[in-house]
Structures are given as structure tokens and as C-alpha cells.
Amino acid sequence: MSTDLILHNIAKFINLTGEEKTFFVSLLQEKSLKRKEFLLEDGEICKYSAFTISGVLRGFTVDHNGFEHVLSFAPEGWWMADMYSLISQKPGTLNIEAIEKTELLLLSKANQEILYQKVPKFERFFRIITENSLVSYQQRLMDNLSLTAEDRYNNFCKRYPTLINTLPKKDIATYIGVTPEFLSRMQSKLLKRK
């Protein structure tokens, strides 16, 4: 199991001893997803926080008309979970799907609680990433309410620079709240300006 990336991610926020690293790694599970395979589907209870080692996850919901709405992506080095379901242990509405072949490390809710007991500094780590996630979602909501589609696209490019040329256009379009056709026209217009 390759744990360098996840340990590097954690080291940005907390310092661990060798023993703490070993204990943390012992609580992780490896998971491989094929393209279009789900980690979590609407109506299921989220039992894991997922860390992307390689590949990309997308978190989306489907409205009553059958339209998908992408809420977030988790490329290499990012965490993803249905936070409502994970914390409440109630069925969620978020679908988490691999956009391409994806390798994950999973930390179960139960193991996360054990981790908090044995290595309390992990509470700080998960508090920080939860706060960062909350700030990001709030900013995204404000952007969707107040920015133009072009500005939302530019913000997407800043947030996910490695995904601009790899994600399907339909996923980028639903993330910024436009149709794929509108996104193509907007991208063409932006290219002509350069």
C-alpha cells in the first residue's frame, strides 16, 4: 500500500511520530474503482472518508427531473465523503463515482473514532480539513449565486487545474451550472481572447 501521498497530506497540518504514522496506516483500507464504478450511491449510509491516491472521484446528486448536479471532485491527493451521511450515519443523497480508474485509501467512521482516541491530534487534522471544506462549499454557493458563468468557469480552473483537460465537458458544465453546449461556446470565446 502506497501511503506517501496521504502522509504528506496529513503532514501539512499535523506532525506525527513514526509510531503514530504506523498506527494510522494500519487503520486504512485500499480500494480500487473502475471507471464509472460507485463508491457510494444515493440512499446509502456513508461509512468511509476516501482519499484519492490516483484517478478522480466526482460527487453528484440527481434532481427529480433526472438531471445530475456535480458538487465536487476529488483528484489525486484530495479527500471525499458524504459529510451529512458520514456524521449523522443516515442515508445520504450524494453519489460518489470514479471518473476513471481510481485508487483510494479509505478510513472508516469507526476507525476514525479509534484514531481520535489513540492519537488525539487527528481531531485537529480532520477539523482543519472539514473547516476548509466548509469554506470551499460556502464560497462555491456564493459564486453560483453572484458570479457569471465565465467567472465560475475561471474559478473552477483555479480550483482544479489538473482536471481542466481530463474531465468530461458535461461534468465541468454541471459543476459550474451550465449546459455542455454553453460551456463549449464559452471556452471557444475565451480561447479567441488569448
Protein backbone atom coordinates (compact mmCIF):
# COMPACT_ATOMS: atom_id res chain seq x y z
CA MET A 1 0.00 0.00 0.00
CA SER A 2 1.45 3.35 -1.05
CA THR A 3 0.86 5.78 1.79
CA ASP A 4 3.36 8.54 0.96
CA LEU A 5 0.73 10.84 -0.55
CA ILE A 6 -1.73 10.59 2.35
CA LEU A 7 1.04 11.03 4.93
CA HIS A 8 2.28 14.10 3.01
CA ASN A 9 -1.30 15.46 3.06
CA ILE A 10 -1.52 14.98 6.82
CA ALA A 11 1.94 16.49 7.41
CA LYS A 12 0.65 19.82 6.03
CA PHE A 13 -1.43 20.19 9.20
CA ILE A 14 -0.03 17.98 11.98
CA ASN A 15 3.27 16.31 12.87
CA LEU A 16 3.24 12.57 13.51
CA THR A 17 5.77 10.29 15.13
CA GLY A 18 6.79 7.12 13.30
CA GLU A 19 4.62 5.10 15.66
CA GLU A 20 1.58 7.34 15.01
CA LYS A 21 2.09 7.03 11.24
CA THR A 22 2.25 3.25 11.52
CA PHE A 23 -0.92 3.15 13.62
CA PHE A 24 -2.79 5.45 11.22
CA VAL A 25 -1.77 3.41 8.17
CA SER A 26 -2.93 0.22 9.94
CA LEU A 27 -6.47 1.67 10.02
CA LEU A 28 -6.68 2.29 6.27
CA GLN A 29 -8.23 0.07 3.61
CA GLU A 30 -7.23 0.04 -0.04
CA LYS A 31 -9.99 0.26 -2.64
CA SER A 32 -9.81 0.20 -6.44
CA LEU A 33 -12.65 1.52 -8.56
CA LYS A 34 -13.12 1.03 -12.28
CA ARG A 35 -14.27 3.89 -14.48
CA LYS A 36 -17.92 4.72 -13.67
CA GLU A 37 -17.92 2.48 -10.58
CA PHE A 38 -19.60 3.90 -7.49
CA LEU A 39 -18.04 4.20 -4.06
CA LEU A 40 -21.35 5.48 -2.65
CA GLU A 41 -24.86 5.78 -4.08
CA ASP A 42 -27.86 7.91 -3.16
CA GLY A 43 -29.71 6.31 -0.24
CA GLU A 44 -26.69 4.51 1.22
CA ILE A 45 -25.06 5.36 4.52
CA CYS A 46 -21.54 6.74 4.11
CA LYS A 47 -19.15 4.70 6.24
CA TYR A 48 -15.81 5.99 4.93
CA SER A 49 -13.77 9.06 4.18
CA ALA A 50 -11.96 8.40 0.91
CA PHE A 51 -8.52 9.72 -0.01
CA THR A 52 -7.62 9.62 -3.72
CA ILE A 53 -4.21 8.09 -4.45
CA SER A 54 -4.71 8.14 -8.23
CA GLY A 55 -7.63 8.86 -10.53
CA VAL A 56 -10.58 11.17 -9.89
CA LEU A 57 -13.85 10.91 -7.98
CA ARG A 58 -16.90 13.06 -8.57
CA GLY A 59 -19.60 13.75 -6.03
CA PHE A 60 -23.01 14.47 -7.52
CA THR A 61 -26.71 14.39 -6.86
CA VAL A 62 -29.62 13.77 -9.24
CA ASP A 63 -32.67 16.03 -9.12
CA HIS A 64 -36.32 14.93 -9.51
CA ASN A 65 -36.08 15.50 -13.29
CA GLY A 66 -33.11 13.15 -13.59
CA PHE A 67 -30.51 15.89 -14.09
CA GLU A 68 -27.11 15.43 -12.46
CA HIS A 69 -25.56 18.23 -10.42
CA VAL A 70 -21.84 17.84 -9.68
CA LEU A 71 -20.93 19.19 -6.25
CA SER A 72 -17.23 18.37 -6.13
CA PHE A 73 -14.31 16.41 -7.49
CA ALA A 74 -11.55 14.59 -5.64
CA PRO A 75 -8.43 14.29 -7.79
CA GLU A 76 -5.18 12.79 -6.54
CA GLY A 77 -4.39 13.99 -3.02
CA TRP A 78 -7.96 15.05 -2.12
CA TRP A 79 -10.48 13.67 0.40
CA MET A 80 -14.17 12.98 -0.30
CA ALA A 81 -17.18 11.76 1.70
CA ASP A 82 -20.88 12.47 2.01
CA MET A 83 -20.37 14.56 5.14
CA TYR A 84 -24.06 14.64 6.10
CA SER A 85 -24.34 10.86 5.95
CA LEU A 86 -20.91 10.16 7.46
CA ILE A 87 -21.55 12.33 10.51
CA SER A 88 -25.25 11.51 11.04
CA GLN A 89 -24.99 7.87 9.90
CA LYS A 90 -28.25 8.39 7.99
CA PRO A 91 -28.81 7.64 4.29
CA GLY A 92 -27.29 10.35 2.13
CA THR A 93 -28.10 11.83 -1.25
CA LEU A 94 -24.58 12.10 -2.64
CA ASN A 95 -23.33 9.73 -5.31
CA ILE A 96 -19.56 9.24 -5.39
CA GLU A 97 -18.31 7.78 -8.67
CA ALA A 98 -14.92 7.18 -10.26
CA ILE A 99 -14.48 9.20 -13.46
CA GLU A 100 -11.54 6.99 -14.40
CA LYS A 101 -9.73 4.04 -12.84
CA THR A 102 -9.17 5.26 -9.28
CA GLU A 103 -7.13 4.02 -6.33
CA LEU A 104 -8.30 5.04 -2.88
CA LEU A 105 -7.40 4.74 0.76
CA LEU A 106 -10.47 4.51 2.98
CA LEU A 107 -10.78 5.42 6.64
CA SER A 108 -13.95 4.05 8.21
CA LYS A 109 -16.02 6.16 10.60
CA ALA A 110 -15.34 3.56 13.32
CA ASN A 111 -11.58 3.66 12.73
CA GLN A 112 -11.64 7.45 12.66
CA GLU A 113 -13.14 7.41 16.17
CA ILE A 114 -10.44 4.95 17.31
CA LEU A 115 -7.84 7.26 15.78
CA TYR A 116 -9.20 10.22 17.76
CA GLN A 117 -8.88 8.21 20.99
CA LYS A 118 -5.37 6.88 20.35
CA VAL A 119 -3.88 9.89 18.50
CA PRO A 120 -5.90 12.98 19.58
CA LYS A 121 -4.03 15.31 17.19
CA PHE A 122 -6.03 13.70 14.35
CA GLU A 123 -9.07 15.56 15.67
CA ARG A 124 -7.20 18.74 14.76
CA PHE A 125 -6.36 17.38 11.30
CA PHE A 126 -9.93 16.41 10.48
CA ARG A 127 -11.28 19.66 11.98
CA ILE A 128 -9.00 21.65 9.68
CA ILE A 129 -9.94 19.74 6.53
CA THR A 130 -13.63 19.94 7.48
CA GLU A 131 -13.32 23.71 8.02
CA ASN A 132 -11.54 24.07 4.67
CA SER A 133 -14.29 22.06 3.01
CA LEU A 134 -17.00 24.20 4.63
CA VAL A 135 -15.28 27.41 3.48
CA SER A 136 -14.95 26.00 -0.04
CA TYR A 137 -18.62 24.96 -0.23
CA GLN A 138 -19.78 28.34 1.10
CA GLN A 139 -17.62 30.17 -1.43
CA ARG A 140 -18.90 27.95 -4.22
CA LEU A 141 -22.51 28.64 -3.19
CA MET A 142 -21.85 32.38 -3.13
CA ASP A 143 -20.13 32.17 -6.53
CA ASN A 144 -23.09 30.28 -8.01
CA LEU A 145 -25.46 32.95 -6.73
CA SER A 146 -23.46 36.01 -7.75
CA LEU A 147 -20.90 35.27 -10.49
CA THR A 148 -21.25 34.95 -14.23
CA ALA A 149 -20.77 31.55 -15.87
CA GLU A 150 -17.40 32.72 -17.18
CA ASP A 151 -16.24 33.71 -13.69
CA ARG A 152 -17.46 30.37 -12.29
CA TYR A 153 -15.50 28.57 -15.02
CA ASN A 154 -12.36 30.58 -14.22
CA ASN A 155 -12.77 29.68 -10.53
CA PHE A 156 -13.14 26.01 -11.49
CA CYS A 157 -9.88 26.24 -13.47
CA LYS A 158 -8.09 27.72 -10.44
CA ARG A 159 -9.50 25.14 -8.03
CA TYR A 160 -8.93 22.09 -10.25
CA PRO A 161 -6.10 23.00 -12.65
CA THR A 162 -5.15 19.36 -13.26
CA LEU A 163 -8.69 18.44 -14.32
CA ILE A 164 -9.42 21.06 -16.99
CA ASN A 165 -8.33 18.84 -19.87
CA THR A 166 -9.16 15.45 -18.36
CA LEU A 167 -12.76 15.72 -17.16
CA PRO A 168 -15.73 15.18 -19.47
CA LYS A 169 -17.20 18.54 -20.52
CA LYS A 170 -20.59 17.52 -19.14
CA ASP A 171 -19.11 17.20 -15.63
CA ILE A 172 -17.44 20.60 -15.78
CA ALA A 173 -20.65 22.10 -17.17
CA THR A 174 -22.86 20.70 -14.40
CA TYR A 175 -20.31 21.79 -11.79
CA ILE A 176 -20.48 25.42 -12.96
CA GLY A 177 -24.23 25.27 -13.68
CA VAL A 178 -24.36 25.50 -17.48
CA THR A 179 -25.10 23.15 -20.37
CA PRO A 180 -22.21 21.38 -22.14
CA GLU A 181 -23.04 23.35 -25.30
CA PHE A 182 -22.82 26.67 -23.46
CA LEU A 183 -19.51 25.59 -21.92
CA SER A 184 -18.08 24.78 -25.38
CA ARG A 185 -19.13 28.19 -26.72
CA MET A 186 -17.69 29.92 -23.67
CA GLN A 187 -14.38 28.03 -23.95
CA SER A 188 -14.13 28.96 -27.65
CA LYS A 189 -14.78 32.60 -26.79
CA LEU A 190 -12.10 32.51 -24.06
CA LEU A 191 -9.56 30.93 -26.45
CA LYS A 192 -10.16 33.66 -29.04
CA ARG A 193 -9.38 36.30 -26.40
CA LYS A 194 -5.93 34.84 -25.71
